[in-house]
Amino acid sequence: MFEVDPSIGLAGAAQRARADAAHEAYMAASHARIADHFEGLYKRWMAHADKLEKQVAELELALAVKEAVVVADDATAAAWRATHPDSPLRATVGKRRDGSPLARSTAIWIAAFDDAARKRGISNPEAHRIS
């Protein structure tokens, strides 16, 4: 049985019950808005994550292809060096940073690499060279 607080009477109890019900309805609506907001955020982040995962997969494939090209180019260069030991491209034209001889073919490669890197916004291509 419902007990009425004697200090507020029946009218006060009814008023308090209405206020409690209104507060509960307000809180439920607030929780629903918050839940909808976070559900929307979650869906947007998941869509963004899916997009990034696709981009990573595309970049990994592109990198694998570039790495395969480098391996193939290295094999071609090795075969070229073995069959053309007296080529003018193998002549020494200077020294590398470490003091070892710099072949004309390597100097050409360095110039082309540095030029291409600078055109792509790399301000210090020498820091990224493999030769």
N, C-alpha and C. Protein backbone atom coordinates (compact mmCIF):
# COMPACT_ATOMS: atom_id res chain seq x y z
N MET A 1 0.84 -1.18 0.00
CA MET A 1 0.00 0.00 0.00
C MET A 1 0.88 1.24 0.00
N PHE A 2 0.45 2.23 -0.69
CA PHE A 2 1.15 3.49 -0.82
C PHE A 2 1.01 4.29 0.46
N GLU A 3 2.15 4.69 1.01
CA GLU A 3 2.11 5.49 2.24
C GLU A 3 2.41 6.93 1.92
N VAL A 4 1.67 7.82 2.53
CA VAL A 4 1.83 9.25 2.31
C VAL A 4 2.63 9.82 3.46
N ASP A 5 3.64 10.63 3.11
CA ASP A 5 4.41 11.33 4.14
C ASP A 5 3.48 12.36 4.77
N PRO A 6 3.22 12.25 6.10
CA PRO A 6 2.26 13.17 6.71
C PRO A 6 2.68 14.63 6.62
N SER A 7 3.97 14.90 6.46
CA SER A 7 4.41 16.29 6.44
C SER A 7 4.03 16.99 5.14
N ILE A 8 3.75 16.23 4.07
CA ILE A 8 3.39 16.88 2.80
C ILE A 8 1.95 16.60 2.39
N GLY A 9 1.34 15.65 2.96
CA GLY A 9 -0.06 15.33 2.68
C GLY A 9 -0.22 14.65 1.33
N LEU A 10 -1.49 14.34 1.03
CA LEU A 10 -1.82 13.61 -0.20
C LEU A 10 -1.54 14.46 -1.44
N ALA A 11 -1.85 15.72 -1.41
CA ALA A 11 -1.61 16.60 -2.56
C ALA A 11 -0.11 16.73 -2.81
N GLY A 12 0.67 16.87 -1.74
CA GLY A 12 2.12 16.98 -1.89
C GLY A 12 2.72 15.69 -2.43
N ALA A 13 2.18 14.53 -2.00
CA ALA A 13 2.66 13.24 -2.48
C ALA A 13 2.38 13.10 -3.97
N ALA A 14 1.20 13.54 -4.39
CA ALA A 14 0.84 13.46 -5.81
C ALA A 14 1.76 14.37 -6.63
N GLN A 15 2.03 15.57 -6.08
CA GLN A 15 2.91 16.51 -6.77
C GLN A 15 4.32 15.93 -6.89
N ARG A 16 4.80 15.32 -5.81
CA ARG A 16 6.13 14.71 -5.82
C ARG A 16 6.16 13.54 -6.82
N ALA A 17 5.11 12.74 -6.88
CA ALA A 17 5.05 11.62 -7.82
C ALA A 17 5.10 12.12 -9.25
N ARG A 18 4.36 13.23 -9.54
CA ARG A 18 4.40 13.81 -10.89
C ARG A 18 5.80 14.34 -11.20
N ALA A 19 6.42 15.00 -10.25
CA ALA A 19 7.77 15.52 -10.44
C ALA A 19 8.77 14.39 -10.66
N ASP A 20 8.64 13.32 -9.88
CA ASP A 20 9.53 12.16 -10.06
C ASP A 20 9.33 11.54 -11.43
N ALA A 21 8.07 11.42 -11.87
CA ALA A 21 7.78 10.83 -13.18
C ALA A 21 8.34 11.72 -14.29
N ALA A 22 8.18 13.04 -14.13
CA ALA A 22 8.71 13.97 -15.13
C ALA A 22 10.23 13.89 -15.18
N HIS A 23 10.86 13.79 -14.02
CA HIS A 23 12.31 13.68 -13.97
C HIS A 23 12.78 12.38 -14.63
N GLU A 24 12.10 11.28 -14.35
CA GLU A 24 12.46 10.00 -14.96
C GLU A 24 12.29 10.04 -16.47
N ALA A 25 11.22 10.70 -16.95
CA ALA A 25 11.01 10.82 -18.39
C ALA A 25 12.11 11.68 -19.02
N TYR A 26 12.48 12.77 -18.34
CA TYR A 26 13.55 13.64 -18.82
C TYR A 26 14.87 12.87 -18.89
N MET A 27 15.16 12.12 -17.85
CA MET A 27 16.41 11.36 -17.81
C MET A 27 16.42 10.28 -18.90
N ALA A 28 15.29 9.61 -19.10
CA ALA A 28 15.21 8.59 -20.14
C ALA A 28 15.44 9.21 -21.52
N ALA A 29 14.83 10.38 -21.74
CA ALA A 29 15.01 11.05 -23.03
C ALA A 29 16.47 11.50 -23.20
N SER A 30 17.06 11.99 -22.14
CA SER A 30 18.47 12.40 -22.19
C SER A 30 19.37 11.21 -22.50
N HIS A 31 19.12 10.10 -21.83
CA HIS A 31 19.92 8.90 -22.09
C HIS A 31 19.75 8.43 -23.52
N ALA A 32 18.54 8.53 -24.05
CA ALA A 32 18.29 8.11 -25.43
C ALA A 32 19.05 9.02 -26.40
N ARG A 33 19.03 10.35 -26.14
CA ARG A 33 19.77 11.27 -27.01
C ARG A 33 21.27 10.99 -26.96
N ILE A 34 21.77 10.74 -25.76
CA ILE A 34 23.20 10.44 -25.61
C ILE A 34 23.54 9.14 -26.33
N ALA A 35 22.70 8.12 -26.16
CA ALA A 35 22.94 6.84 -26.83
C ALA A 35 22.92 7.01 -28.35
N ASP A 36 21.97 7.77 -28.87
CA ASP A 36 21.90 8.02 -30.31
C ASP A 36 23.15 8.75 -30.79
N HIS A 37 23.58 9.74 -30.02
CA HIS A 37 24.78 10.50 -30.38
C HIS A 37 26.00 9.57 -30.46
N PHE A 38 26.20 8.74 -29.45
CA PHE A 38 27.36 7.86 -29.44
C PHE A 38 27.25 6.76 -30.48
N GLU A 39 26.03 6.33 -30.78
CA GLU A 39 25.86 5.34 -31.84
C GLU A 39 26.25 5.96 -33.18
N GLY A 40 25.87 7.23 -33.39
CA GLY A 40 26.27 7.92 -34.62
C GLY A 40 27.77 8.08 -34.71
N LEU A 41 28.40 8.46 -33.58
CA LEU A 41 29.86 8.58 -33.56
C LEU A 41 30.51 7.25 -33.89
N TYR A 42 30.02 6.20 -33.27
CA TYR A 42 30.58 4.86 -33.49
C TYR A 42 30.47 4.48 -34.96
N LYS A 43 29.32 4.71 -35.57
CA LYS A 43 29.14 4.35 -36.98
C LYS A 43 30.08 5.15 -37.87
N ARG A 44 30.25 6.47 -37.57
CA ARG A 44 31.16 7.28 -38.37
C ARG A 44 32.60 6.80 -38.22
N TRP A 45 33.01 6.49 -36.99
CA TRP A 45 34.37 6.01 -36.76
C TRP A 45 34.61 4.66 -37.43
N MET A 46 33.61 3.80 -37.39
CA MET A 46 33.77 2.49 -38.04
C MET A 46 33.88 2.66 -39.56
N ALA A 47 33.10 3.57 -40.13
CA ALA A 47 33.20 3.83 -41.57
C ALA A 47 34.58 4.40 -41.90
N HIS A 48 35.07 5.29 -41.05
CA HIS A 48 36.40 5.87 -41.25
C HIS A 48 37.48 4.78 -41.13
N ALA A 49 37.33 3.91 -40.14
CA ALA A 49 38.30 2.82 -39.96
C ALA A 49 38.29 1.89 -41.18
N ASP A 50 37.10 1.59 -41.72
CA ASP A 50 37.02 0.75 -42.91
C ASP A 50 37.74 1.41 -44.09
N LYS A 51 37.53 2.72 -44.23
CA LYS A 51 38.20 3.45 -45.31
C LYS A 51 39.71 3.40 -45.14
N LEU A 52 40.19 3.61 -43.90
CA LEU A 52 41.63 3.56 -43.65
C LEU A 52 42.20 2.17 -43.89
N GLU A 53 41.47 1.14 -43.50
CA GLU A 53 41.94 -0.23 -43.73
C GLU A 53 42.08 -0.51 -45.22
N LYS A 54 41.15 0.00 -46.03
CA LYS A 54 41.25 -0.18 -47.48
C LYS A 54 42.47 0.56 -48.03
N GLN A 55 42.69 1.78 -47.53
CA GLN A 55 43.85 2.55 -47.97
C GLN A 55 45.15 1.85 -47.59
N VAL A 56 45.21 1.30 -46.39
CA VAL A 56 46.41 0.58 -45.95
C VAL A 56 46.65 -0.63 -46.85
N ALA A 57 45.59 -1.36 -47.16
CA ALA A 57 45.74 -2.53 -48.04
C ALA A 57 46.26 -2.11 -49.41
N GLU A 58 45.73 -1.00 -49.96
CA GLU A 58 46.20 -0.51 -51.26
C GLU A 58 47.66 -0.09 -51.19
N LEU A 59 48.04 0.59 -50.10
CA LEU A 59 49.43 1.02 -49.95
C LEU A 59 50.38 -0.16 -49.75
N GLU A 60 49.93 -1.17 -49.01
CA GLU A 60 50.76 -2.36 -48.83
C GLU A 60 50.98 -3.07 -50.16
N LEU A 61 49.94 -3.14 -50.99
CA LEU A 61 50.10 -3.75 -52.31
C LEU A 61 51.06 -2.93 -53.17
N ALA A 62 50.89 -1.61 -53.15
CA ALA A 62 51.78 -0.75 -53.94
C ALA A 62 53.23 -0.91 -53.47
N LEU A 63 53.43 -0.99 -52.16
CA LEU A 63 54.78 -1.18 -51.63
C LEU A 63 55.36 -2.52 -52.05
N ALA A 64 54.56 -3.57 -51.99
CA ALA A 64 55.03 -4.89 -52.40
C ALA A 64 55.44 -4.88 -53.87
N VAL A 65 54.67 -4.19 -54.71
CA VAL A 65 55.02 -4.10 -56.13
C VAL A 65 56.33 -3.34 -56.30
N LYS A 66 56.47 -2.21 -55.58
CA LYS A 66 57.72 -1.43 -55.66
C LYS A 66 58.91 -2.26 -55.19
N GLU A 67 58.74 -3.02 -54.11
CA GLU A 67 59.83 -3.88 -53.63
C GLU A 67 60.19 -4.93 -54.66
N ALA A 68 59.20 -5.50 -55.34
CA ALA A 68 59.46 -6.49 -56.39
C ALA A 68 60.22 -5.86 -57.55
N VAL A 69 59.87 -4.63 -57.90
CA VAL A 69 60.58 -3.92 -58.97
C VAL A 69 62.04 -3.70 -58.57
N VAL A 70 62.28 -3.33 -57.33
CA VAL A 70 63.66 -3.12 -56.87
C VAL A 70 64.46 -4.42 -56.96
N VAL A 71 63.88 -5.52 -56.54
CA VAL A 71 64.58 -6.81 -56.62
C VAL A 71 64.89 -7.15 -58.08
N ALA A 72 63.91 -6.93 -58.96
CA ALA A 72 64.13 -7.22 -60.39
C ALA A 72 65.20 -6.29 -60.97
N ASP A 73 65.15 -5.01 -60.59
CA ASP A 73 66.18 -4.07 -61.07
C ASP A 73 67.57 -4.45 -60.55
N ASP A 74 67.66 -4.89 -59.30
CA ASP A 74 68.95 -5.33 -58.75
C ASP A 74 69.49 -6.53 -59.53
N ALA A 75 68.61 -7.46 -59.87
CA ALA A 75 69.04 -8.64 -60.64
C ALA A 75 69.52 -8.22 -62.03
N THR A 76 68.80 -7.30 -62.66
CA THR A 76 69.20 -6.81 -63.98
C THR A 76 70.55 -6.09 -63.90
N ALA A 77 70.72 -5.26 -62.87
CA ALA A 77 71.98 -4.52 -62.71
C ALA A 77 73.14 -5.48 -62.47
N ALA A 78 72.91 -6.51 -61.68
CA ALA A 78 73.97 -7.50 -61.41
C ALA A 78 74.36 -8.21 -62.70
N ALA A 79 73.37 -8.58 -63.50
CA ALA A 79 73.67 -9.24 -64.78
C ALA A 79 74.40 -8.28 -65.72
N TRP A 80 73.99 -7.03 -65.74
CA TRP A 80 74.65 -6.03 -66.58
C TRP A 80 76.11 -5.85 -66.16
N ARG A 81 76.35 -5.74 -64.85
CA ARG A 81 77.73 -5.58 -64.37
C ARG A 81 78.59 -6.80 -64.73
N ALA A 82 78.00 -7.98 -64.64
CA ALA A 82 78.76 -9.21 -64.93
C ALA A 82 79.11 -9.31 -66.42
N THR A 83 78.26 -8.80 -67.28
CA THR A 83 78.49 -8.94 -68.72
C THR A 83 79.14 -7.72 -69.37
N HIS A 84 79.26 -6.62 -68.61
CA HIS A 84 79.86 -5.39 -69.15
C HIS A 84 80.87 -4.81 -68.17
N PRO A 85 81.92 -5.55 -67.87
CA PRO A 85 82.87 -5.08 -66.87
C PRO A 85 83.63 -3.81 -67.29
N ASP A 86 83.73 -3.54 -68.59
CA ASP A 86 84.51 -2.40 -69.06
C ASP A 86 83.64 -1.23 -69.53
N SER A 87 82.38 -1.23 -69.17
CA SER A 87 81.47 -0.16 -69.61
C SER A 87 81.89 1.18 -69.03
N PRO A 88 81.76 2.27 -69.81
CA PRO A 88 82.08 3.60 -69.30
C PRO A 88 81.17 3.99 -68.11
N LEU A 89 80.02 3.38 -68.00
CA LEU A 89 79.15 3.66 -66.85
C LEU A 89 79.72 3.14 -65.54
N ARG A 90 80.71 2.24 -65.64
CA ARG A 90 81.33 1.70 -64.43
C ARG A 90 82.57 2.50 -64.01
N ALA A 91 82.94 3.50 -64.83
CA ALA A 91 84.12 4.32 -64.53
C ALA A 91 83.89 5.12 -63.25
N THR A 92 84.96 5.29 -62.50
CA THR A 92 84.89 6.06 -61.25
C THR A 92 84.87 7.55 -61.60
N VAL A 93 83.89 8.26 -61.01
CA VAL A 93 83.76 9.70 -61.28
C VAL A 93 83.87 10.52 -60.00
N GLY A 94 84.11 9.88 -58.89
CA GLY A 94 84.21 10.58 -57.62
C GLY A 94 84.19 9.59 -56.47
N LYS A 95 83.90 10.10 -55.31
CA LYS A 95 83.85 9.25 -54.12
C LYS A 95 82.49 9.40 -53.45
N ARG A 96 82.05 8.32 -52.82
CA ARG A 96 80.82 8.34 -52.02
C ARG A 96 81.11 9.02 -50.69
N ARG A 97 80.07 9.22 -49.91
CA ARG A 97 80.24 9.83 -48.58
C ARG A 97 81.16 9.02 -47.70
N ASP A 98 81.15 7.70 -47.89
CA ASP A 98 82.00 6.84 -47.05
C ASP A 98 83.42 6.70 -47.60
N GLY A 99 83.71 7.41 -48.72
CA GLY A 99 85.05 7.37 -49.29
C GLY A 99 85.25 6.31 -50.36
N SER A 100 84.29 5.43 -50.55
CA SER A 100 84.43 4.41 -51.58
C SER A 100 84.21 5.03 -52.96
N PRO A 101 84.69 4.35 -54.02
CA PRO A 101 84.58 4.92 -55.38
C PRO A 101 83.11 5.08 -55.80
N LEU A 102 82.84 6.14 -56.54
CA LEU A 102 81.51 6.41 -57.06
C LEU A 102 81.52 6.17 -58.56
N ALA A 103 80.76 5.17 -59.01
CA ALA A 103 80.68 4.86 -60.44
C ALA A 103 79.75 5.86 -61.13
N ARG A 104 80.01 6.08 -62.43
CA ARG A 104 79.17 7.01 -63.19
C ARG A 104 77.70 6.58 -63.13
N SER A 105 77.43 5.29 -63.24
CA SER A 105 76.03 4.81 -63.19
C SER A 105 75.38 5.15 -61.85
N THR A 106 76.14 5.06 -60.78
CA THR A 106 75.60 5.40 -59.45
C THR A 106 75.38 6.90 -59.34
N ALA A 107 76.29 7.70 -59.90
CA ALA A 107 76.10 9.15 -59.89
C ALA A 107 74.84 9.54 -60.65
N ILE A 108 74.60 8.88 -61.78
CA ILE A 108 73.37 9.13 -62.55
C ILE A 108 72.14 8.76 -61.72
N TRP A 109 72.22 7.59 -61.06
CA TRP A 109 71.10 7.13 -60.21
C TRP A 109 70.83 8.14 -59.09
N ILE A 110 71.89 8.61 -58.42
CA ILE A 110 71.73 9.56 -57.31
C ILE A 110 71.09 10.85 -57.81
N ALA A 111 71.56 11.37 -58.93
CA ALA A 111 70.99 12.62 -59.46
C ALA A 111 69.51 12.44 -59.80
N ALA A 112 69.16 11.33 -60.42
CA ALA A 112 67.76 11.08 -60.78
C ALA A 112 66.91 10.90 -59.53
N PHE A 113 67.41 10.17 -58.55
CA PHE A 113 66.68 9.95 -57.30
C PHE A 113 66.44 11.27 -56.59
N ASP A 114 67.51 12.05 -56.42
CA ASP A 114 67.37 13.32 -55.71
C ASP A 114 66.39 14.25 -56.40
N ASP A 115 66.45 14.32 -57.73
CA ASP A 115 65.54 15.17 -58.48
C ASP A 115 64.09 14.71 -58.30
N ALA A 116 63.86 13.42 -58.44
CA ALA A 116 62.50 12.89 -58.29
C ALA A 116 61.99 13.09 -56.86
N ALA A 117 62.85 12.89 -55.88
CA ALA A 117 62.44 13.06 -54.49
C ALA A 117 62.07 14.51 -54.20
N ARG A 118 62.89 15.44 -54.68
CA ARG A 118 62.59 16.87 -54.45
C ARG A 118 61.28 17.28 -55.10
N LYS A 119 61.01 16.74 -56.30
CA LYS A 119 59.75 17.04 -56.99
C LYS A 119 58.55 16.50 -56.21
N ARG A 120 58.79 15.53 -55.35
CA ARG A 120 57.71 14.94 -54.54
C ARG A 120 57.69 15.50 -53.12
N GLY A 121 58.44 16.58 -52.92
CA GLY A 121 58.38 17.28 -51.63
C GLY A 121 59.35 16.80 -50.58
N ILE A 122 60.30 15.94 -50.94
CA ILE A 122 61.30 15.48 -49.97
C ILE A 122 62.47 16.46 -50.01
N SER A 123 62.66 17.20 -48.93
CA SER A 123 63.67 18.26 -48.94
C SER A 123 65.08 17.73 -48.73
N ASN A 124 65.23 16.54 -48.19
CA ASN A 124 66.56 15.97 -47.96
C ASN A 124 66.64 14.55 -48.52
N PRO A 125 66.65 14.42 -49.84
CA PRO A 125 66.63 13.08 -50.45
C PRO A 125 67.83 12.22 -50.06
N GLU A 126 68.96 12.87 -49.79
CA GLU A 126 70.16 12.09 -49.42
C GLU A 126 69.93 11.26 -48.16
N ALA A 127 69.03 11.69 -47.31
CA ALA A 127 68.74 10.94 -46.09
C ALA A 127 67.92 9.67 -46.39
N HIS A 128 67.38 9.57 -47.58
CA HIS A 128 66.51 8.44 -47.94
C HIS A 128 67.11 7.55 -49.01
N ARG A 129 68.27 7.90 -49.50
CA ARG A 129 68.91 7.08 -50.53
C ARG A 129 69.37 5.74 -49.98
N ILE A 130 69.34 4.74 -50.85
CA ILE A 130 69.91 3.44 -50.45
C ILE A 130 71.31 3.28 -51.02
N SER A 131 71.74 4.20 -51.86
CA SER A 131 73.09 4.16 -52.44
C SER A 131 73.89 5.34 -51.93
